[in-house]
Structures are given as structure tokens and as C-alpha cells.
Amino acid sequence: MRQVSGRSFTWLDHLLCWTLVALATAWAYHPYFFGDEIIQFRDIAGSQGFLDALRRMSEYKPRMVYNTLWAWGLTDEWARWQFAAVSAASMAAVCSLVALMARHWFGASRLLTWVLVTSVLVSRFAAMLYFDYIAGLIESMSLMCFLASLWVSVTAVRTRALPAMLLAVLLAVTAVLVHERYVAATFALGVAICGWVAWRLPSGGR
């Protein structure tokens, strides 16, 4: 592990990052569902409760975590700001995970970490999430779960602790059940971990 140069990215920096995400979400927010969001209302029209709504939404793609959230929100008649809050929380977690990885794995300074986090916050990826909560939830939640699985996976291979291994698998599966594209990402992560174990650990510790 490298020495961190300069002042570290502290909990106050994380709090400022979360505040910026909240402000961006509030600035872009408007209370009316539109565009692809209306598809979800169409898909569950006439459904008989939560389970029926979930079944209907899952007929297209079995994104069970994402579908569960939307089926719950729509059957309970959530306001649009509630979906926005979930998306914003996921995006804030993405920024914090990126900052933790930069600091602990690469020894990034506070300034360099802020450059990295800012590039995430002002990217086209982030801007889309503040307006479209269908795409926003799919993208921000899946990325959050994948980055969390990556963070926990490194802890698991270093400590070889069973709870960390199980949590890493759970987070990876959750990422896939939010967005199926992470089947490829989790497979690549698994190959990288197996390669590291085969190359770095003695045969008795594998």
C-alpha cells in the first residue's frame, strides 16, 4: 500500500461530495413522471398488488432488484422525488467508493481524489442520472453494487475471511440483478481474482 501524499480525503470531503450530489439532484428535479418512466406504469396497469406488478415487470428482463424497487414504488404510489432520492444516494455512494479506492489503493492525494470525484459528478453518465430515474436507478445502483463488490473482494483475497467472500458474492449478484450487463464485469472480476490467487498465494493458502 502506498503512502498517501498530502492531506487525506476525510469524512468531511465525503459529506461535501454527498451534498453536491443532493444539490444537483434538487436542481434537476421536477415532480412529473415522463418518457421511459411511464413505461413502468403501463407495464403494471391493472396488476393485482405488488407480486403481480413484479411478475409483469420481470417478463421483459428479470432485473429482480431493480424491478422490485419500481414495483414497490409504483404500487405504493411513490412520488417521483422518492425515486430521485434512491438514485442520488446510489450516486453519492459511487463517488465515495471511487474516493476510497483512489486513496487506499493508489495513494491519491486529496486534490487528485477530488479531481477524480469531480470528473464523475460532471460526466455525461452522472448528468443523465439526475433527469431520468429509470436509467438513473439502473445505472447508479448497479455501479454502486459492483464497486462495493470490488472493494469487498480485495478485502476478501487479502484476509481470506469467509464473511467477506460471501458479501462480495452477494454484492456481485445484486449488481447483476439490477443490470444484466454486470454479468460480464463480475466474470472479469472473478477471473482477475482467480489469477491473483494462483499467482500470489502459496498452494496451501489458495
C-alpha atoms as a PDB file:
ATOM      1  CA  MET A   1       0.000   0.000   0.000  1.00  0.00           C
ATOM      2  CA  ARG A   2       1.343   3.403  -0.971  1.00  0.00           C
ATOM      3  CA  GLN A   3       1.739   6.360   1.340  1.00  0.00           C
ATOM      4  CA  VAL A   4      -0.941   8.979   0.848  1.00  0.00           C
ATOM      5  CA  SER A   5       0.644  12.295  -0.121  1.00  0.00           C
ATOM      6  CA  GLY A   6      -0.787  15.492   1.261  1.00  0.00           C
ATOM      7  CA  ARG A   7      -3.966  15.746   3.220  1.00  0.00           C
ATOM      8  CA  SER A   8      -6.268  12.742   3.050  1.00  0.00           C
ATOM      9  CA  PHE A   9      -9.800  12.679   1.707  1.00  0.00           C
ATOM     10  CA  THR A  10     -11.712  12.788   5.006  1.00  0.00           C
ATOM     11  CA  TRP A  11     -15.302  12.216   6.091  1.00  0.00           C
ATOM     12  CA  LEU A  12     -15.904  15.954   5.600  1.00  0.00           C
ATOM     13  CA  ASP A  13     -14.919  15.565   1.969  1.00  0.00           C
ATOM     14  CA  HIS A  14     -17.332  12.657   1.635  1.00  0.00           C
ATOM     15  CA  LEU A  15     -20.063  14.792   3.223  1.00  0.00           C
ATOM     16  CA  LEU A  16     -19.353  17.631   0.775  1.00  0.00           C
ATOM     17  CA  CYS A  17     -19.490  15.160  -2.096  1.00  0.00           C
ATOM     18  CA  TRP A  18     -22.898  13.858  -0.942  1.00  0.00           C
ATOM     19  CA  THR A  19     -24.125  17.443  -0.600  1.00  0.00           C
ATOM     20  CA  LEU A  20     -23.098  18.219  -4.175  1.00  0.00           C
ATOM     21  CA  VAL A  21     -24.991  15.158  -5.419  1.00  0.00           C
ATOM     22  CA  ALA A  22     -28.065  16.243  -3.428  1.00  0.00           C
ATOM     23  CA  LEU A  23     -27.880  19.779  -4.841  1.00  0.00           C
ATOM     24  CA  ALA A  24     -27.509  18.515  -8.406  1.00  0.00           C
ATOM     25  CA  THR A  25     -30.494  16.199  -7.901  1.00  0.00           C
ATOM     26  CA  ALA A  26     -32.610  19.007  -6.440  1.00  0.00           C
ATOM     27  CA  TRP A  27     -31.649  21.397  -9.260  1.00  0.00           C
ATOM     28  CA  ALA A  28     -32.621  18.911 -11.983  1.00  0.00           C
ATOM     29  CA  TYR A  29     -35.726  17.551 -10.260  1.00  0.00           C
ATOM     30  CA  HIS A  30     -39.273  18.059 -11.432  1.00  0.00           C
ATOM     31  CA  PRO A  31     -42.275  16.220  -9.947  1.00  0.00           C
ATOM     32  CA  TYR A  32     -43.848  14.685 -13.051  1.00  0.00           C
ATOM     33  CA  PHE A  33     -43.044  11.260 -14.473  1.00  0.00           C
ATOM     34  CA  PHE A  34     -42.173  11.378 -18.174  1.00  0.00           C
ATOM     35  CA  GLY A  35     -40.550   9.465 -21.018  1.00  0.00           C
ATOM     36  CA  ASP A  36     -39.439   5.911 -20.277  1.00  0.00           C
ATOM     37  CA  GLU A  37     -40.674   6.204 -16.703  1.00  0.00           C
ATOM     38  CA  ILE A  38     -44.241   5.991 -17.960  1.00  0.00           C
ATOM     39  CA  ILE A  39     -43.456   2.548 -19.394  1.00  0.00           C
ATOM     40  CA  GLN A  40     -43.403   1.177 -15.859  1.00  0.00           C
ATOM     41  CA  PHE A  41     -46.918   2.472 -15.210  1.00  0.00           C
ATOM     42  CA  ARG A  42     -48.079   0.935 -18.474  1.00  0.00           C
ATOM     43  CA  ASP A  43     -46.492  -2.427 -17.647  1.00  0.00           C
ATOM     44  CA  ILE A  44     -48.253  -2.782 -14.295  1.00  0.00           C
ATOM     45  CA  ALA A  45     -51.601  -1.297 -15.288  1.00  0.00           C
ATOM     46  CA  GLY A  46     -54.332  -3.475 -13.823  1.00  0.00           C
ATOM     47  CA  SER A  47     -51.938  -5.557 -11.714  1.00  0.00           C
ATOM     48  CA  GLN A  48     -53.265  -7.140  -8.541  1.00  0.00           C
ATOM     49  CA  GLY A  49     -50.798  -5.915  -5.963  1.00  0.00           C
ATOM     50  CA  PHE A  50     -47.026  -5.932  -5.583  1.00  0.00           C
ATOM     51  CA  LEU A  51     -46.268  -9.540  -6.606  1.00  0.00           C
ATOM     52  CA  ASP A  52     -48.340  -9.303  -9.752  1.00  0.00           C
ATOM     53  CA  ALA A  53     -46.672  -5.990 -10.622  1.00  0.00           C
ATOM     54  CA  LEU A  54     -43.246  -7.545 -10.080  1.00  0.00           C
ATOM     55  CA  ARG A  55     -44.144 -10.509 -12.285  1.00  0.00           C
ATOM     56  CA  ARG A  56     -45.304  -8.239 -15.102  1.00  0.00           C
ATOM     57  CA  MET A  57     -42.231  -6.050 -14.935  1.00  0.00           C
ATOM     58  CA  SER A  58     -39.946  -9.095 -14.924  1.00  0.00           C
ATOM     59  CA  GLU A  59     -41.436 -10.557 -18.105  1.00  0.00           C
ATOM     60  CA  TYR A  60     -39.205  -8.273 -20.180  1.00  0.00           C
ATOM     61  CA  LYS A  61     -35.955  -8.672 -18.219  1.00  0.00           C
ATOM     62  CA  PRO A  62     -35.520 -10.310 -14.801  1.00  0.00           C
ATOM     63  CA  ARG A  63     -33.734  -7.368 -13.191  1.00  0.00           C
ATOM     64  CA  MET A  64     -35.141  -8.523  -9.890  1.00  0.00           C
ATOM     65  CA  VAL A  65     -33.621  -5.909  -7.578  1.00  0.00           C
ATOM     66  CA  TYR A  66     -34.434  -3.004  -9.878  1.00  0.00           C
ATOM     67  CA  ASN A  67     -37.875  -4.412 -10.732  1.00  0.00           C
ATOM     68  CA  THR A  68     -38.668  -4.964  -7.059  1.00  0.00           C
ATOM     69  CA  LEU A  69     -37.890  -1.339  -6.232  1.00  0.00           C
ATOM     70  CA  TRP A  70     -40.065   0.010  -9.033  1.00  0.00           C
ATOM     71  CA  ALA A  71     -42.927  -2.434  -8.400  1.00  0.00           C
ATOM     72  CA  TRP A  72     -42.900  -1.433  -4.736  1.00  0.00           C
ATOM     73  CA  GLY A  73     -42.749   2.263  -5.525  1.00  0.00           C
ATOM     74  CA  LEU A  74     -45.465   2.193  -8.146  1.00  0.00           C
ATOM     75  CA  THR A  75     -47.913   0.027  -6.201  1.00  0.00           C
ATOM     76  CA  ASP A  76     -47.373   2.223  -3.126  1.00  0.00           C
ATOM     77  CA  GLU A  77     -47.702   5.336  -5.306  1.00  0.00           C
ATOM     78  CA  TRP A  78     -44.337   6.872  -4.516  1.00  0.00           C
ATOM     79  CA  ALA A  79     -43.789  10.463  -5.523  1.00  0.00           C
ATOM     80  CA  ARG A  80     -41.082  10.997  -8.110  1.00  0.00           C
ATOM     81  CA  TRP A  81     -38.753  12.550  -5.502  1.00  0.00           C
ATOM     82  CA  GLN A  82     -38.573   9.211  -3.687  1.00  0.00           C
ATOM     83  CA  PHE A  83     -37.111   7.528  -6.754  1.00  0.00           C
ATOM     84  CA  ALA A  84     -34.810  10.543  -7.131  1.00  0.00           C
ATOM     85  CA  ALA A  85     -33.614  10.102  -3.537  1.00  0.00           C
ATOM     86  CA  VAL A  86     -32.669   6.457  -4.136  1.00  0.00           C
ATOM     87  CA  SER A  87     -30.800   7.393  -7.311  1.00  0.00           C
ATOM     88  CA  ALA A  88     -28.979  10.240  -5.547  1.00  0.00           C
ATOM     89  CA  ALA A  89     -27.985   8.015  -2.630  1.00  0.00           C
ATOM     90  CA  SER A  90     -26.585   5.449  -5.060  1.00  0.00           C
ATOM     91  CA  MET A  91     -24.645   8.131  -6.919  1.00  0.00           C
ATOM     92  CA  ALA A  92     -23.215   9.521  -3.678  1.00  0.00           C
ATOM     93  CA  ALA A  93     -22.094   6.013  -2.719  1.00  0.00           C
ATOM     94  CA  VAL A  94     -20.406   5.614  -6.119  1.00  0.00           C
ATOM     95  CA  CYS A  95     -18.394   8.790  -5.515  1.00  0.00           C
ATOM     96  CA  SER A  96     -17.373   7.692  -2.023  1.00  0.00           C
ATOM     97  CA  LEU A  97     -16.300   4.249  -3.245  1.00  0.00           C
ATOM     98  CA  VAL A  98     -14.252   5.805  -6.044  1.00  0.00           C
ATOM     99  CA  ALA A  99     -12.586   8.110  -3.500  1.00  0.00           C
ATOM    100  CA  LEU A 100     -11.815   5.224  -1.126  1.00  0.00           C
ATOM    101  CA  MET A 101     -10.254   3.178  -3.921  1.00  0.00           C
ATOM    102  CA  ALA A 102      -8.174   6.117  -5.140  1.00  0.00           C
ATOM    103  CA  ARG A 103      -6.854   6.851  -1.664  1.00  0.00           C
ATOM    104  CA  HIS A 104      -6.290   3.369  -0.275  1.00  0.00           C
ATOM    105  CA  TRP A 105      -5.214   1.505  -3.406  1.00  0.00           C
ATOM    106  CA  PHE A 106      -3.352   4.166  -5.363  1.00  0.00           C
ATOM    107  CA  GLY A 107      -2.219   6.599  -2.673  1.00  0.00           C
ATOM    108  CA  ALA A 108      -4.007   9.526  -4.314  1.00  0.00           C
ATOM    109  CA  SER A 109      -3.743  12.902  -2.625  1.00  0.00           C
ATOM    110  CA  ARG A 110      -6.817  14.812  -1.533  1.00  0.00           C
ATOM    111  CA  LEU A 111      -6.574  17.087  -4.581  1.00  0.00           C
ATOM    112  CA  LEU A 112      -6.215  14.209  -7.015  1.00  0.00           C
ATOM    113  CA  THR A 113      -9.108  12.373  -5.359  1.00  0.00           C
ATOM    114  CA  TRP A 114     -11.318  15.438  -5.754  1.00  0.00           C
ATOM    115  CA  VAL A 115     -10.341  15.700  -9.436  1.00  0.00           C
ATOM    116  CA  LEU A 116     -11.440  12.091  -9.867  1.00  0.00           C
ATOM    117  CA  VAL A 117     -14.702  12.519  -7.950  1.00  0.00           C
ATOM    118  CA  THR A 118     -15.494  15.755  -9.797  1.00  0.00           C
ATOM    119  CA  SER A 119     -14.962  14.028 -13.141  1.00  0.00           C
ATOM    120  CA  VAL A 120     -17.609  11.515 -12.092  1.00  0.00           C
ATOM    121  CA  LEU A 121     -20.041  14.187 -10.897  1.00  0.00           C
ATOM    122  CA  VAL A 122     -19.853  16.268 -14.091  1.00  0.00           C
ATOM    123  CA  SER A 123     -19.723  13.365 -16.535  1.00  0.00           C
ATOM    124  CA  ARG A 124     -22.451  12.634 -19.059  1.00  0.00           C
ATOM    125  CA  PHE A 125     -23.120   9.462 -17.074  1.00  0.00           C
ATOM    126  CA  ALA A 126     -23.904  11.437 -13.916  1.00  0.00           C
ATOM    127  CA  ALA A 127     -25.878  14.161 -15.696  1.00  0.00           C
ATOM    128  CA  MET A 128     -28.255  11.587 -17.164  1.00  0.00           C
ATOM    129  CA  LEU A 129     -28.988  10.177 -13.718  1.00  0.00           C
ATOM    130  CA  TYR A 130     -30.304  13.465 -12.373  1.00  0.00           C
ATOM    131  CA  PHE A 131     -33.038  13.641 -15.015  1.00  0.00           C
ATOM    132  CA  ASP A 132     -34.098  10.099 -15.894  1.00  0.00           C
ATOM    133  CA  TYR A 133     -34.801   7.895 -12.867  1.00  0.00           C
ATOM    134  CA  ILE A 134     -35.444   4.786 -14.939  1.00  0.00           C
ATOM    135  CA  ALA A 135     -31.942   4.867 -16.414  1.00  0.00           C
ATOM    136  CA  GLY A 136     -30.685   6.560 -13.269  1.00  0.00           C
ATOM    137  CA  LEU A 137     -31.600   3.742 -10.928  1.00  0.00           C
ATOM    138  CA  ILE A 138     -30.384   1.036 -13.286  1.00  0.00           C
ATOM    139  CA  GLU A 139     -27.017   2.690 -13.816  1.00  0.00           C
ATOM    140  CA  SER A 140     -26.267   4.171 -10.391  1.00  0.00           C
ATOM    141  CA  MET A 141     -27.432   1.182  -8.317  1.00  0.00           C
ATOM    142  CA  SER A 142     -25.679  -1.402 -10.472  1.00  0.00           C
ATOM    143  CA  LEU A 143     -22.418   0.554 -10.487  1.00  0.00           C
ATOM    144  CA  MET A 144     -22.662   1.122  -6.734  1.00  0.00           C
ATOM    145  CA  CYS A 145     -23.116  -2.617  -6.098  1.00  0.00           C
ATOM    146  CA  PHE A 146     -20.310  -3.567  -8.466  1.00  0.00           C
ATOM    147  CA  LEU A 147     -17.823  -1.095  -6.957  1.00  0.00           C
ATOM    148  CA  ALA A 148     -18.810  -2.303  -3.488  1.00  0.00           C
ATOM    149  CA  SER A 149     -18.233  -5.911  -4.568  1.00  0.00           C
ATOM    150  CA  LEU A 150     -14.827  -4.893  -5.936  1.00  0.00           C
ATOM    151  CA  TRP A 151     -13.921  -3.165  -2.652  1.00  0.00           C
ATOM    152  CA  VAL A 152     -15.029  -6.152  -0.558  1.00  0.00           C
ATOM    153  CA  SER A 153     -13.375  -8.632  -2.935  1.00  0.00           C
ATOM    154  CA  VAL A 154      -9.976  -7.059  -2.345  1.00  0.00           C
ATOM    155  CA  THR A 155     -10.547  -7.344   1.404  1.00  0.00           C
ATOM    156  CA  ALA A 156     -11.576 -10.978   0.935  1.00  0.00           C
ATOM    157  CA  VAL A 157      -8.466 -12.004  -1.007  1.00  0.00           C
ATOM    158  CA  ARG A 158      -6.215 -10.207   1.453  1.00  0.00           C
ATOM    159  CA  THR A 159      -7.781 -11.586   4.628  1.00  0.00           C
ATOM    160  CA  ARG A 160      -9.271 -14.824   3.228  1.00  0.00           C
ATOM    161  CA  ALA A 161     -12.224 -14.233   5.574  1.00  0.00           C
ATOM    162  CA  LEU A 162     -15.347 -16.198   4.692  1.00  0.00           C
ATOM    163  CA  PRO A 163     -17.818 -13.384   5.600  1.00  0.00           C
ATOM    164  CA  ALA A 164     -16.010 -11.003   3.232  1.00  0.00           C
ATOM    165  CA  MET A 165     -16.072 -13.618   0.463  1.00  0.00           C
ATOM    166  CA  LEU A 166     -19.792 -14.221   0.888  1.00  0.00           C
ATOM    167  CA  LEU A 167     -20.532 -10.484   0.999  1.00  0.00           C
ATOM    168  CA  ALA A 168     -18.516  -9.940  -2.188  1.00  0.00           C
ATOM    169  CA  VAL A 169     -20.515 -12.634  -3.975  1.00  0.00           C
ATOM    170  CA  LEU A 170     -23.804 -11.202  -2.674  1.00  0.00           C
ATOM    171  CA  LEU A 171     -22.927  -7.705  -3.893  1.00  0.00           C
ATOM    172  CA  ALA A 172     -21.842  -9.017  -7.297  1.00  0.00           C
ATOM    173  CA  VAL A 173     -25.087 -10.968  -7.707  1.00  0.00           C
ATOM    174  CA  THR A 174     -27.052  -7.879  -6.632  1.00  0.00           C
ATOM    175  CA  ALA A 175     -25.273  -5.798  -9.282  1.00  0.00           C
ATOM    176  CA  VAL A 176     -26.288  -8.329 -11.951  1.00  0.00           C
ATOM    177  CA  LEU A 177     -29.899  -8.337 -10.713  1.00  0.00           C
ATOM    178  CA  VAL A 178     -30.005  -4.558 -11.083  1.00  0.00           C
ATOM    179  CA  HIS A 179     -28.458  -4.546 -14.561  1.00  0.00           C
ATOM    180  CA  GLU A 180     -27.579  -7.658 -16.538  1.00  0.00           C
ATOM    181  CA  ARG A 181     -24.546  -6.030 -18.181  1.00  0.00           C
ATOM    182  CA  TYR A 182     -22.621  -6.726 -14.962  1.00  0.00           C
ATOM    183  CA  VAL A 183     -22.587 -10.432 -15.795  1.00  0.00           C
ATOM    184  CA  ALA A 184     -19.539  -9.571 -17.923  1.00  0.00           C
ATOM    185  CA  ALA A 185     -17.991  -7.311 -15.282  1.00  0.00           C
ATOM    186  CA  THR A 186     -18.378  -9.813 -12.446  1.00  0.00           C
ATOM    187  CA  PHE A 187     -16.984 -12.595 -14.641  1.00  0.00           C
ATOM    188  CA  ALA A 188     -13.933 -10.444 -15.414  1.00  0.00           C
ATOM    189  CA  LEU A 189     -13.544  -9.649 -11.705  1.00  0.00           C
ATOM    190  CA  GLY A 190     -13.703 -13.358 -10.858  1.00  0.00           C
ATOM    191  CA  VAL A 191     -11.038 -14.169 -13.461  1.00  0.00           C
ATOM    192  CA  ALA A 192      -8.793 -11.416 -12.054  1.00  0.00           C
ATOM    193  CA  ILE A 193      -9.208 -12.712  -8.504  1.00  0.00           C
ATOM    194  CA  CYS A 194      -8.500 -16.317  -9.539  1.00  0.00           C
ATOM    195  CA  GLY A 195      -5.414 -15.142 -11.399  1.00  0.00           C
ATOM    196  CA  TRP A 196      -4.185 -13.184  -8.387  1.00  0.00           C
ATOM    197  CA  VAL A 197      -4.763 -16.139  -6.076  1.00  0.00           C
ATOM    198  CA  ALA A 198      -2.943 -18.549  -8.398  1.00  0.00           C
ATOM    199  CA  TRP A 199      -0.018 -16.174  -8.903  1.00  0.00           C
ATOM    200  CA  ARG A 200       0.429 -14.602  -5.462  1.00  0.00           C
ATOM    201  CA  LEU A 201      -0.734 -17.097  -2.848  1.00  0.00           C
ATOM    202  CA  PRO A 202       1.163 -20.251  -1.889  1.00  0.00           C
ATOM    203  CA  SER A 203      -0.563 -23.516  -2.760  1.00  0.00           C
ATOM    204  CA  GLY A 204      -1.513 -24.119   0.871  1.00  0.00           C
ATOM    205  CA  GLY A 205      -3.375 -20.819   1.102  1.00  0.00           C
ATOM    206  CA  ARG A 206      -5.443 -20.963  -2.064  1.00  0.00           C
END
